[in-house]
PDB file of N, CA and C in Angstrom:
ATOM      1  N   MET A   1     102.234  88.841 112.694  1.00  0.00           N
ATOM      2  CA  MET A   1     102.295  87.457 113.061  1.00  0.00           C
ATOM      3  C   MET A   1     101.046  86.769 112.492  1.00  0.00           C
ATOM      4  N   GLN A   2     101.243  85.595 111.902  1.00  0.00           N
ATOM      5  CA  GLN A   2     100.134  84.813 111.369  1.00  0.00           C
ATOM      6  C   GLN A   2      99.444  84.105 112.528  1.00  0.00           C
ATOM      7  N   VAL A   3      98.122  84.247 112.623  1.00  0.00           N
ATOM      8  CA  VAL A   3      97.355  83.597 113.679  1.00  0.00           C
ATOM      9  C   VAL A   3      96.213  82.799 113.067  1.00  0.00           C
ATOM     10  N   TYR A   4      95.697  81.838 113.833  1.00  0.00           N
ATOM     11  CA  TYR A   4      94.636  80.951 113.363  1.00  0.00           C
ATOM     12  C   TYR A   4      93.482  80.974 114.356  1.00  0.00           C
ATOM     13  N   TYR A   5      92.254  80.945 113.828  1.00  0.00           N
ATOM     14  CA  TYR A   5      91.051  80.952 114.659  1.00  0.00           C
ATOM     15  C   TYR A   5      90.046  79.937 114.119  1.00  0.00           C
ATOM     16  N   ASP A   6      89.238  79.379 115.023  1.00  0.00           N
ATOM     17  CA  ASP A   6      88.165  78.480 114.594  1.00  0.00           C
ATOM     18  C   ASP A   6      86.975  79.261 114.039  1.00  0.00           C
ATOM     19  N   SER A   7      86.751  80.461 114.557  1.00  0.00           N
ATOM     20  CA  SER A   7      85.652  81.299 114.061  1.00  0.00           C
ATOM     21  C   SER A   7      86.231  82.601 113.504  1.00  0.00           C
ATOM     22  N   GLU A   8      85.448  83.279 112.691  1.00  0.00           N
ATOM     23  CA  GLU A   8      85.942  84.486 112.029  1.00  0.00           C
ATOM     24  C   GLU A   8      86.303  85.573 113.047  1.00  0.00           C
ATOM     25  N   PRO A   9      87.556  86.034 113.034  1.00  0.00           N
ATOM     26  CA  PRO A   9      87.958  87.079 113.984  1.00  0.00           C
ATOM     27  C   PRO A   9      87.511  88.459 113.507  1.00  0.00           C
ATOM     28  N   THR A  10      87.413  89.374 114.433  1.00  0.00           N
ATOM     29  CA  THR A  10      87.082  90.752 114.090  1.00  0.00           C
ATOM     30  C   THR A  10      88.361  91.471 113.660  1.00  0.00           C
ATOM     31  N   LYS A  11      88.202  92.549 112.910  1.00  0.00           N
ATOM     32  CA  LYS A  11      89.343  93.331 112.436  1.00  0.00           C
ATOM     33  C   LYS A  11      90.095  93.953 113.612  1.00  0.00           C
ATOM     34  N   ILE A  12      89.349  94.410 114.617  1.00  0.00           N
ATOM     35  CA  ILE A  12      89.938  95.019 115.815  1.00  0.00           C
ATOM     36  C   ILE A  12      89.329  94.363 117.046  1.00  0.00           C
ATOM     37  N   HIS A  13      90.188  93.937 117.966  1.00  0.00           N
ATOM     38  CA  HIS A  13      89.719  93.431 119.263  1.00  0.00           C
ATOM     39  C   HIS A  13      90.316  94.357 120.319  1.00  0.00           C
ATOM     40  N   TYR A  14      89.459  95.024 121.073  1.00  0.00           N
ATOM     41  CA  TYR A  14      89.861  96.050 122.030  1.00  0.00           C
ATOM     42  C   TYR A  14      89.526  95.563 123.437  1.00  0.00           C
ATOM     43  N   GLU A  15      90.532  95.422 124.309  1.00  0.00           N
ATOM     44  CA  GLU A  15      90.339  94.976 125.695  1.00  0.00           C
ATOM     45  C   GLU A  15      90.771  96.078 126.648  1.00  0.00           C
ATOM     46  N   LYS A  16      89.813  96.738 127.268  1.00  0.00           N
ATOM     47  CA  LYS A  16      90.113  97.809 128.219  1.00  0.00           C
ATOM     48  C   LYS A  16      90.684  97.197 129.496  1.00  0.00           C
ATOM     49  N   LEU A  17      91.744  97.808 130.000  1.00  0.00           N
ATOM     50  CA  LEU A  17      92.395  97.338 131.222  1.00  0.00           C
ATOM     51  C   LEU A  17      92.079  98.262 132.392  1.00  0.00           C
ATOM     52  N   PRO A  18      92.168  97.768 133.628  1.00  0.00           N
ATOM     53  CA  PRO A  18      91.835  98.582 134.804  1.00  0.00           C
ATOM     54  C   PRO A  18      92.685  99.849 134.953  1.00  0.00           C
ATOM     55  N   ASP A  19      93.913  99.855 134.407  1.00  0.00           N
ATOM     56  CA  ASP A  19      94.776 101.026 134.567  1.00  0.00           C
ATOM     57  C   ASP A  19      94.484 102.130 133.548  1.00  0.00           C
ATOM     58  N   GLY A  20      93.435 101.961 132.725  1.00  0.00           N
ATOM     59  CA  GLY A  20      93.072 102.984 131.746  1.00  0.00           C
ATOM     60  C   GLY A  20      93.657 102.748 130.370  1.00  0.00           C
ATOM     61  N   THR A  21      94.581 101.803 130.253  1.00  0.00           N
ATOM     62  CA  THR A  21      95.115 101.455 128.934  1.00  0.00           C
ATOM     63  C   THR A  21      94.264 100.332 128.341  1.00  0.00           C
ATOM     64  N   ALA A  22      94.641  99.899 127.162  1.00  0.00           N
ATOM     65  CA  ALA A  22      93.912  98.811 126.522  1.00  0.00           C
ATOM     66  C   ALA A  22      94.865  97.944 125.719  1.00  0.00           C
ATOM     67  N   ASN A  23      94.606  96.644 125.730  1.00  0.00           N
ATOM     68  CA  ASN A  23      95.285  95.734 124.820  1.00  0.00           C
ATOM     69  C   ASN A  23      94.489  95.752 123.525  1.00  0.00           C
ATOM     70  N   VAL A  24      95.168  95.949 122.413  1.00  0.00           N
ATOM     71  CA  VAL A  24      94.494  96.035 121.120  1.00  0.00           C
ATOM     72  C   VAL A  24      95.114  95.012 120.181  1.00  0.00           C
ATOM     73  N   TYR A  25      94.241  94.248 119.509  1.00  0.00           N
ATOM     74  CA  TYR A  25      94.666  93.277 118.515  1.00  0.00           C
ATOM     75  C   TYR A  25      94.157  93.769 117.165  1.00  0.00           C
ATOM     76  N   LEU A  26      95.075  94.063 116.260  1.00  0.00           N
ATOM     77  CA  LEU A  26      94.734  94.572 114.933  1.00  0.00           C
ATOM     78  C   LEU A  26      94.953  93.443 113.935  1.00  0.00           C
ATOM     79  N   ARG A  27      93.917  93.141 113.144  1.00  0.00           N
ATOM     80  CA  ARG A  27      94.020  92.016 112.207  1.00  0.00           C
ATOM     81  C   ARG A  27      93.742  92.478 110.788  1.00  0.00           C
ATOM     82  N   GLN A  28      94.540  91.969 109.867  1.00  0.00           N
ATOM     83  CA  GLN A  28      94.315  92.241 108.453  1.00  0.00           C
ATOM     84  C   GLN A  28      94.498  90.937 107.680  1.00  0.00           C
ATOM     85  N   ASN A  29      94.107  90.948 106.400  1.00  0.00           N
ATOM     86  CA  ASN A  29      94.179  89.750 105.552  1.00  0.00           C
ATOM     87  C   ASN A  29      93.453  88.578 106.189  1.00  0.00           C
ATOM     88  N   ILE A  30      92.259  88.850 106.709  1.00  0.00           N
ATOM     89  CA  ILE A  30      91.451  87.808 107.343  1.00  0.00           C
ATOM     90  C   ILE A  30      90.827  86.961 106.236  1.00  0.00           C
ATOM     91  N   LYS A  31      91.064  85.638 106.315  1.00  0.00           N
ATOM     92  CA  LYS A  31      90.475  84.748 105.309  1.00  0.00           C
ATOM     93  C   LYS A  31      90.314  83.346 105.875  1.00  0.00           C
ATOM     94  N   GLN A  32      89.420  82.600 105.244  1.00  0.00           N
ATOM     95  CA  GLN A  32      89.180  81.227 105.653  1.00  0.00           C
ATOM     96  C   GLN A  32      89.958  80.295 104.725  1.00  0.00           C
ATOM     97  N   VAL A  33      90.657  79.336 105.310  1.00  0.00           N
ATOM     98  CA  VAL A  33      91.475  78.413 104.528  1.00  0.00           C
ATOM     99  C   VAL A  33      91.275  76.985 105.037  1.00  0.00           C
ATOM    100  N   ALA A  34      91.573  76.031 104.172  1.00  0.00           N
ATOM    101  CA  ALA A  34      91.525  74.624 104.557  1.00  0.00           C
ATOM    102  C   ALA A  34      92.921  74.190 104.977  1.00  0.00           C
ATOM    103  N   VAL A  35      93.027  73.545 106.119  1.00  0.00           N
ATOM    104  CA  VAL A  35      94.306  73.023 106.591  1.00  0.00           C
ATOM    105  C   VAL A  35      94.159  71.534 106.872  1.00  0.00           C
ATOM    106  N   LEU A  36      95.237  70.826 106.720  1.00  0.00           N
ATOM    107  CA  LEU A  36      95.231  69.395 106.974  1.00  0.00           C
ATOM    108  C   LEU A  36      95.205  69.155 108.476  1.00  0.00           C
ATOM    109  N   ASN A  37      94.215  68.406 108.922  1.00  0.00           N
ATOM    110  CA  ASN A  37      94.100  68.072 110.335  1.00  0.00           C
ATOM    111  C   ASN A  37      95.193  67.069 110.670  1.00  0.00           C
ATOM    112  N   PRO A  38      95.951  67.263 111.749  1.00  0.00           N
ATOM    113  CA  PRO A  38      97.031  66.328 112.071  1.00  0.00           C
ATOM    114  C   PRO A  38      96.532  64.910 112.326  1.00  0.00           C
ATOM    115  N   ARG A  39      95.279  64.776 112.652  1.00  0.00           N
ATOM    116  CA  ARG A  39      94.698  63.445 112.877  1.00  0.00           C
ATOM    117  C   ARG A  39      93.986  63.003 111.601  1.00  0.00           C
ATOM    118  N   THR A  40      94.077  61.744 111.310  1.00  0.00           N
ATOM    119  CA  THR A  40      93.368  61.207 110.148  1.00  0.00           C
ATOM    120  C   THR A  40      92.092  60.525 110.624  1.00  0.00           C
ATOM    121  N   SER A  41      91.195  60.276 109.684  1.00  0.00           N
ATOM    122  CA  SER A  41      89.954  59.602 110.051  1.00  0.00           C
ATOM    123  C   SER A  41      90.239  58.123 110.315  1.00  0.00           C
ATOM    124  N   GLU A  42      89.239  57.404 110.786  1.00  0.00           N
ATOM    125  CA  GLU A  42      89.426  55.991 111.123  1.00  0.00           C
ATOM    126  C   GLU A  42      89.843  55.157 109.923  1.00  0.00           C
ATOM    127  N   ASP A  43      89.436  55.554 108.722  1.00  0.00           N
ATOM    128  CA  ASP A  43      89.807  54.778 107.532  1.00  0.00           C
ATOM    129  C   ASP A  43      91.119  55.267 106.917  1.00  0.00           C
ATOM    130  N   GLU A  44      91.893  56.046 107.713  1.00  0.00           N
ATOM    131  CA  GLU A  44      93.223  56.525 107.318  1.00  0.00           C
ATOM    132  C   GLU A  44      93.227  57.571 106.204  1.00  0.00           C
ATOM    133  N   THR A  45      92.098  58.153 105.859  1.00  0.00           N
ATOM    134  CA  THR A  45      92.092  59.220 104.864  1.00  0.00           C
ATOM    135  C   THR A  45      92.439  60.535 105.550  1.00  0.00           C
ATOM    136  N   GLU A  46      93.075  61.413 104.802  1.00  0.00           N
ATOM    137  CA  GLU A  46      93.436  62.715 105.368  1.00  0.00           C
ATOM    138  C   GLU A  46      92.175  63.550 105.547  1.00  0.00           C
ATOM    139  N   VAL A  47      92.146  64.305 106.621  1.00  0.00           N
ATOM    140  CA  VAL A  47      90.986  65.133 106.935  1.00  0.00           C
ATOM    141  C   VAL A  47      91.422  66.593 106.938  1.00  0.00           C
ATOM    142  N   THR A  48      90.688  67.441 106.234  1.00  0.00           N
ATOM    143  CA  THR A  48      90.982  68.868 106.275  1.00  0.00           C
ATOM    144  C   THR A  48      89.971  69.567 107.170  1.00  0.00           C
ATOM    145  N   LYS A  49      90.385  70.699 107.654  1.00  0.00           N
ATOM    146  CA  LYS A  49      89.546  71.491 108.546  1.00  0.00           C
ATOM    147  C   LYS A  49      89.585  72.933 108.060  1.00  0.00           C
ATOM    148  N   MET A  50      88.448  73.601 108.078  1.00  0.00           N
ATOM    149  CA  MET A  50      88.399  75.015 107.700  1.00  0.00           C
ATOM    150  C   MET A  50      88.709  75.864 108.935  1.00  0.00           C
ATOM    151  N   VAL A  51      89.681  76.768 108.782  1.00  0.00           N
ATOM    152  CA  VAL A  51      90.049  77.689 109.859  1.00  0.00           C
ATOM    153  C   VAL A  51      90.170  79.095 109.287  1.00  0.00           C
ATOM    154  N   TRP A  52      90.178  80.062 110.169  1.00  0.00           N
ATOM    155  CA  TRP A  52      90.369  81.465 109.785  1.00  0.00           C
ATOM    156  C   TRP A  52      91.805  81.853 110.095  1.00  0.00           C
ATOM    157  N   THR A  53      92.429  82.588 109.185  1.00  0.00           N
ATOM    158  CA  THR A  53      93.779  83.087 109.411  1.00  0.00           C
ATOM    159  C   THR A  53      93.778  84.611 109.286  1.00  0.00           C
ATOM    160  N   ALA A  54      94.775  85.219 109.881  1.00  0.00           N
ATOM    161  CA  ALA A  54      94.927  86.675 109.799  1.00  0.00           C
ATOM    162  C   ALA A  54      96.351  87.048 110.172  1.00  0.00           C
ATOM    163  N   GLU A  55      96.778  88.198 109.685  1.00  0.00           N
ATOM    164  CA  GLU A  55      98.023  88.811 110.153  1.00  0.00           C
ATOM    165  C   GLU A  55      97.616  89.681 111.336  1.00  0.00           C
ATOM    166  N   GLU A  56      98.234  89.476 112.484  1.00  0.00           N
ATOM    167  CA  GLU A  56      97.804  90.163 113.697  1.00  0.00           C
ATOM    168  C   GLU A  56      98.963  90.909 114.350  1.00  0.00           C
ATOM    169  N   LYS A  57      98.661  92.123 114.791  1.00  0.00           N
ATOM    170  CA  LYS A  57      99.596  92.915 115.598  1.00  0.00           C
ATOM    171  C   LYS A  57      98.903  93.236 116.906  1.00  0.00           C
ATOM    172  N   ASN A  58      99.693  93.250 117.960  1.00  0.00           N
ATOM    173  CA  ASN A  58      99.168  93.521 119.295  1.00  0.00           C
ATOM    174  C   ASN A  58      99.909  94.720 119.857  1.00  0.00           C
ATOM    175  N   LEU A  59      99.178  95.612 120.502  1.00  0.00           N
ATOM    176  CA  LEU A  59      99.810  96.736 121.172  1.00  0.00           C
ATOM    177  C   LEU A  59      99.001  97.145 122.390  1.00  0.00           C
ATOM    178  N   GLN A  60      99.652  97.838 123.290  1.00  0.00           N
ATOM    179  CA  GLN A  60      98.983  98.396 124.454  1.00  0.00           C
ATOM    180  C   GLN A  60      98.982  99.904 124.267  1.00  0.00           C
ATOM    181  N   THR A  61      97.819 100.537 124.481  1.00  0.00           N
ATOM    182  CA  THR A  61      97.678 101.952 124.181  1.00  0.00           C
ATOM    183  C   THR A  61      96.727 102.635 125.155  1.00  0.00           C
ATOM    184  N   THR A  62      96.782 103.961 125.160  1.00  0.00           N
ATOM    185  CA  THR A  62      95.818 104.758 125.927  1.00  0.00           C
ATOM    186  C   THR A  62      94.720 105.286 125.013  1.00  0.00           C
ATOM    187  N   MET A  63      94.790 104.960 123.716  1.00  0.00           N
ATOM    188  CA  MET A  63      93.779 105.425 122.759  1.00  0.00           C
ATOM    189  C   MET A  63      92.428 104.783 123.058  1.00  0.00           C
ATOM    190  N   THR A  64      91.360 105.498 122.702  1.00  0.00           N
ATOM    191  CA  THR A  64      90.021 104.938 122.840  1.00  0.00           C
ATOM    192  C   THR A  64      89.784 103.968 121.683  1.00  0.00           C
ATOM    193  N   GLU A  65      88.728 103.182 121.796  1.00  0.00           N
ATOM    194  CA  GLU A  65      88.403 102.245 120.720  1.00  0.00           C
ATOM    195  C   GLU A  65      88.102 102.990 119.419  1.00  0.00           C
ATOM    196  N   ALA A  66      87.425 104.129 119.516  1.00  0.00           N
ATOM    197  CA  ALA A  66      87.124 104.944 118.329  1.00  0.00           C
ATOM    198  C   ALA A  66      88.405 105.473 117.688  1.00  0.00           C
ATOM    199  N   GLU A  67      89.370 105.899 118.501  1.00  0.00           N
ATOM    200  CA  GLU A  67      90.652 106.389 117.969  1.00  0.00           C
ATOM    201  C   GLU A  67      91.430 105.269 117.277  1.00  0.00           C
ATOM    202  N   VAL A  68      91.374 104.068 117.854  1.00  0.00           N
ATOM    203  CA  VAL A  68      92.044 102.920 117.240  1.00  0.00           C
ATOM    204  C   VAL A  68      91.421 102.632 115.882  1.00  0.00           C
ATOM    205  N   GLU A  69      90.083 102.634 115.814  1.00  0.00           N
ATOM    206  CA  GLU A  69      89.395 102.394 114.544  1.00  0.00           C
ATOM    207  C   GLU A  69      89.761 103.452 113.507  1.00  0.00           C
ATOM    208  N   ALA A  70      89.813 104.705 113.927  1.00  0.00           N
ATOM    209  CA  ALA A  70      90.125 105.804 113.002  1.00  0.00           C
ATOM    210  C   ALA A  70      91.573 105.749 112.516  1.00  0.00           C
ATOM    211  N   ASN A  71      92.453 105.187 113.323  1.00  0.00           N
ATOM    212  CA  ASN A  71      93.880 105.145 112.986  1.00  0.00           C
ATOM    213  C   ASN A  71      94.373 103.733 112.654  1.00  0.00           C
ATOM    214  N   PHE A  72      93.463 102.855 112.259  1.00  0.00           N
ATOM    215  CA  PHE A  72      93.801 101.451 112.016  1.00  0.00           C
ATOM    216  C   PHE A  72      94.997 101.291 111.078  1.00  0.00           C
ATOM    217  N   ASP A  73      94.950 101.930 109.905  1.00  0.00           N
ATOM    218  CA  ASP A  73      96.012 101.753 108.909  1.00  0.00           C
ATOM    219  C   ASP A  73      97.372 102.190 109.439  1.00  0.00           C
ATOM    220  N   THR A  74      97.411 103.294 110.141  1.00  0.00           N
ATOM    221  CA  THR A  74      98.673 103.778 110.701  1.00  0.00           C
ATOM    222  C   THR A  74      99.183 102.835 111.778  1.00  0.00           C
ATOM    223  N   LEU A  75      98.295 102.366 112.628  1.00  0.00           N
ATOM    224  CA  LEU A  75      98.698 101.469 113.709  1.00  0.00           C
ATOM    225  C   LEU A  75      99.174 100.120 113.177  1.00  0.00           C
ATOM    226  N   VAL A  76      98.543  99.620 112.131  1.00  0.00           N
ATOM    227  CA  VAL A  76      98.966  98.348 111.551  1.00  0.00           C
ATOM    228  C   VAL A  76     100.380  98.478 110.999  1.00  0.00           C
ATOM    229  N   LEU A  77     100.665  99.597 110.361  1.00  0.00           N
ATOM    230  CA  LEU A  77     101.995  99.799 109.785  1.00  0.00           C
ATOM    231  C   LEU A  77     103.035 100.142 110.833  1.00  0.00           C
ATOM    232  N   ASP A  78     102.666 100.981 111.814  1.00  0.00           N
ATOM    233  CA  ASP A  78     103.634 101.502 112.774  1.00  0.00           C
ATOM    234  C   ASP A  78     103.496 100.933 114.173  1.00  0.00           C
ATOM    235  N   GLY A  79     102.427 100.223 114.467  1.00  0.00           N
ATOM    236  CA  GLY A  79     102.114  99.792 115.825  1.00  0.00           C
ATOM    237  C   GLY A  79     103.319  99.555 116.717  1.00  0.00           C
ATOM    238  N   ASP A  80     103.094  99.300 117.959  1.00  0.00           N
ATOM    239  CA  ASP A  80     104.170  99.106 118.922  1.00  0.00           C
ATOM    240  C   ASP A  80     104.752  97.695 118.860  1.00  0.00           C
ATOM    241  N   SER A  81     104.367  96.927 117.863  1.00  0.00           N
ATOM    242  CA  SER A  81     104.849  95.556 117.785  1.00  0.00           C
ATOM    243  C   SER A  81     106.218  95.493 117.118  1.00  0.00           C
ATOM    244  N   ALA A  82     106.848  94.370 117.220  1.00  0.00           N
ATOM    245  CA  ALA A  82     108.175  94.167 116.633  1.00  0.00           C
ATOM    246  C   ALA A  82     108.077  94.194 115.114  1.00  0.00           C
ATOM    247  N   PRO A  83     109.141  94.630 114.442  1.00  0.00           N
ATOM    248  CA  PRO A  83     109.114  94.653 112.975  1.00  0.00           C
ATOM    249  C   PRO A  83     109.057  93.237 112.404  1.00  0.00           C
ATOM    250  N   SER A  84     108.475  93.117 111.228  1.00  0.00           N
ATOM    251  CA  SER A  84     108.382  91.816 110.574  1.00  0.00           C
ATOM    252  C   SER A  84     109.758  91.394 110.069  1.00  0.00           C
ATOM    253  N   ILE A  85     109.892  90.149 109.694  1.00  0.00           N
ATOM    254  CA  ILE A  85     111.158  89.648 109.145  1.00  0.00           C
ATOM    255  C   ILE A  85     111.520  90.442 107.893  1.00  0.00           C
ATOM    256  N   GLY A  86     110.530  90.703 107.033  1.00  0.00           N
ATOM    257  CA  GLY A  86     110.781  91.472 105.820  1.00  0.00           C
ATOM    258  C   GLY A  86     111.312  92.865 106.116  1.00  0.00           C
ATOM    259  N   GLN A  87     110.735  93.517 107.121  1.00  0.00           N
ATOM    260  CA  GLN A  87     111.196  94.850 107.506  1.00  0.00           C
ATOM    261  C   GLN A  87     112.613  94.792 108.072  1.00  0.00           C
ATOM    262  N   ARG A  88     112.907  93.760 108.845  1.00  0.00           N
ATOM    263  CA  ARG A  88     114.243  93.611 109.416  1.00  0.00           C
ATOM    264  C   ARG A  88     115.281  93.361 108.330  1.00  0.00           C
ATOM    265  N   ILE A  89     114.931  92.524 107.352  1.00  0.00           N
ATOM    266  CA  ILE A  89     115.854  92.232 106.250  1.00  0.00           C
ATOM    267  C   ILE A  89     116.108  93.491 105.426  1.00  0.00           C
ATOM    268  N   ALA A  90     115.040  94.248 105.134  1.00  0.00           N
ATOM    269  CA  ALA A  90     115.190  95.481 104.349  1.00  0.00           C
ATOM    270  C   ALA A  90     116.103  96.473 105.075  1.00  0.00           C
ATOM    271  N   ALA A  91     115.943  96.612 106.384  1.00  0.00           N
ATOM    272  CA  ALA A  91     116.792  97.523 107.155  1.00  0.00           C
ATOM    273  C   ALA A  91     118.247  97.058 107.141  1.00  0.00           C
ATOM    274  N   LEU A  92     118.457  95.756 107.242  1.00  0.00           N
ATOM    275  CA  LEU A  92     119.810  95.213 107.203  1.00  0.00           C
ATOM    276  C   LEU A  92     120.444  95.425 105.827  1.00  0.00           C
ATOM    277  N   GLU A  93     119.680  95.208 104.755  1.00  0.00           N
ATOM    278  CA  GLU A  93     120.190  95.436 103.402  1.00  0.00           C
ATOM    279  C   GLU A  93     120.579  96.897 103.202  1.00  0.00           C
ATOM    280  N   ASP A  94     119.747  97.812 103.709  1.00  0.00           N
ATOM    281  CA  ASP A  94     120.062  99.241 103.606  1.00  0.00           C
ATOM    282  C   ASP A  94     121.356  99.576 104.350  1.00  0.00           C
ATOM    283  N   ALA A  95     121.531  99.004 105.524  1.00  0.00           N
ATOM    284  CA  ALA A  95     122.733  99.268 106.315  1.00  0.00           C
ATOM    285  C   ALA A  95     123.983  98.724 105.620  1.00  0.00           C
ATOM    286  N   VAL A  96     123.887  97.523 105.063  1.00  0.00           N
ATOM    287  CA  VAL A  96     125.031  96.943 104.353  1.00  0.00           C
ATOM    288  C   VAL A  96     125.369  97.778 103.130  1.00  0.00           C
ATOM    289  N   SER A  97     124.363  98.227 102.409  1.00  0.00           N
ATOM    290  CA  SER A  97     124.582  99.056 101.223  1.00  0.00           C
ATOM    291  C   SER A  97     125.273 100.368 101.599  1.00  0.00           C
ATOM    292  N   ALA A  98     124.795 101.012 102.653  1.00  0.00           N
ATOM    293  CA  ALA A  98     125.398 102.275 103.093  1.00  0.00           C
ATOM    294  C   ALA A  98     126.840 102.061 103.546  1.00  0.00           C
ATOM    295  N   LEU A  99     127.099 100.964 104.244  1.00  0.00           N
ATOM    296  CA  LEU A  99     128.454 100.656 104.695  1.00  0.00           C
ATOM    297  C   LEU A  99     129.380 100.385 103.501  1.00  0.00           C
ATOM    298  N   THR A 100     128.886  99.659 102.517  1.00  0.00           N
ATOM    299  CA  THR A 100     129.664  99.370 101.305  1.00  0.00           C
ATOM    300  C   THR A 100     130.027 100.649 100.581  1.00  0.00           C
ATOM    301  N   GLU A 101     129.063 101.549 100.462  1.00  0.00           N
ATOM    302  CA  GLU A 101     129.317 102.844  99.810  1.00  0.00           C
ATOM    303  C   GLU A 101     130.327 103.670 100.592  1.00  0.00           C
ATOM    304  N   ALA A 102     130.238 103.642 101.904  1.00  0.00           N
ATOM    305  CA  ALA A 102     131.167 104.411 102.740  1.00  0.00           C
ATOM    306  C   ALA A 102     132.600 103.882 102.593  1.00  0.00           C
ATOM    307  N   ILE A 103     132.732 102.585 102.534  1.00  0.00           N
ATOM    308  CA  ILE A 103     134.060 101.978 102.392  1.00  0.00           C
ATOM    309  C   ILE A 103     134.621 102.275 101.001  1.00  0.00           C
ATOM    310  N   ALA A 104     133.774 102.229  99.979  1.00  0.00           N
ATOM    311  CA  ALA A 104     134.209 102.445  98.601  1.00  0.00           C
ATOM    312  C   ALA A 104     134.676 103.879  98.354  1.00  0.00           C
ATOM    313  N   THR A 105     134.157 104.849  99.095  1.00  0.00           N
ATOM    314  CA  THR A 105     134.516 106.248  98.881  1.00  0.00           C
ATOM    315  C   THR A 105     135.732 106.682  99.695  1.00  0.00           C
ATOM    316  N   GLU A 106     136.267 105.809 100.515  1.00  0.00           N
ATOM    317  CA  GLU A 106     137.434 106.163 101.341  1.00  0.00           C
ATOM    318  C   GLU A 106     138.692 106.137 100.549  1.00  0.00           C
TER     319      GLU A 106
END
């Protein structure tokens, strides 16, 4: 999921919960970009604002913060979050292709 921040976000944000689990926010492709501010200045000129963007995945885990850091790449790819639109489309295309092949061989 694309997220926006006013200040530079960290790659990993780890929030320990009272039940021993943790909410973990994994961020990649962190960059600063200029966006058009919905409000214009008093002289009606467009105003841009610098913000930070990132692709973010959120999961709840029993892993320690060190384990999350060590397994960052795997968690970003496999995390407990919902699949991206691209992943969903690819899975649907594969299913349609397999179904087409099954029908053609009957």
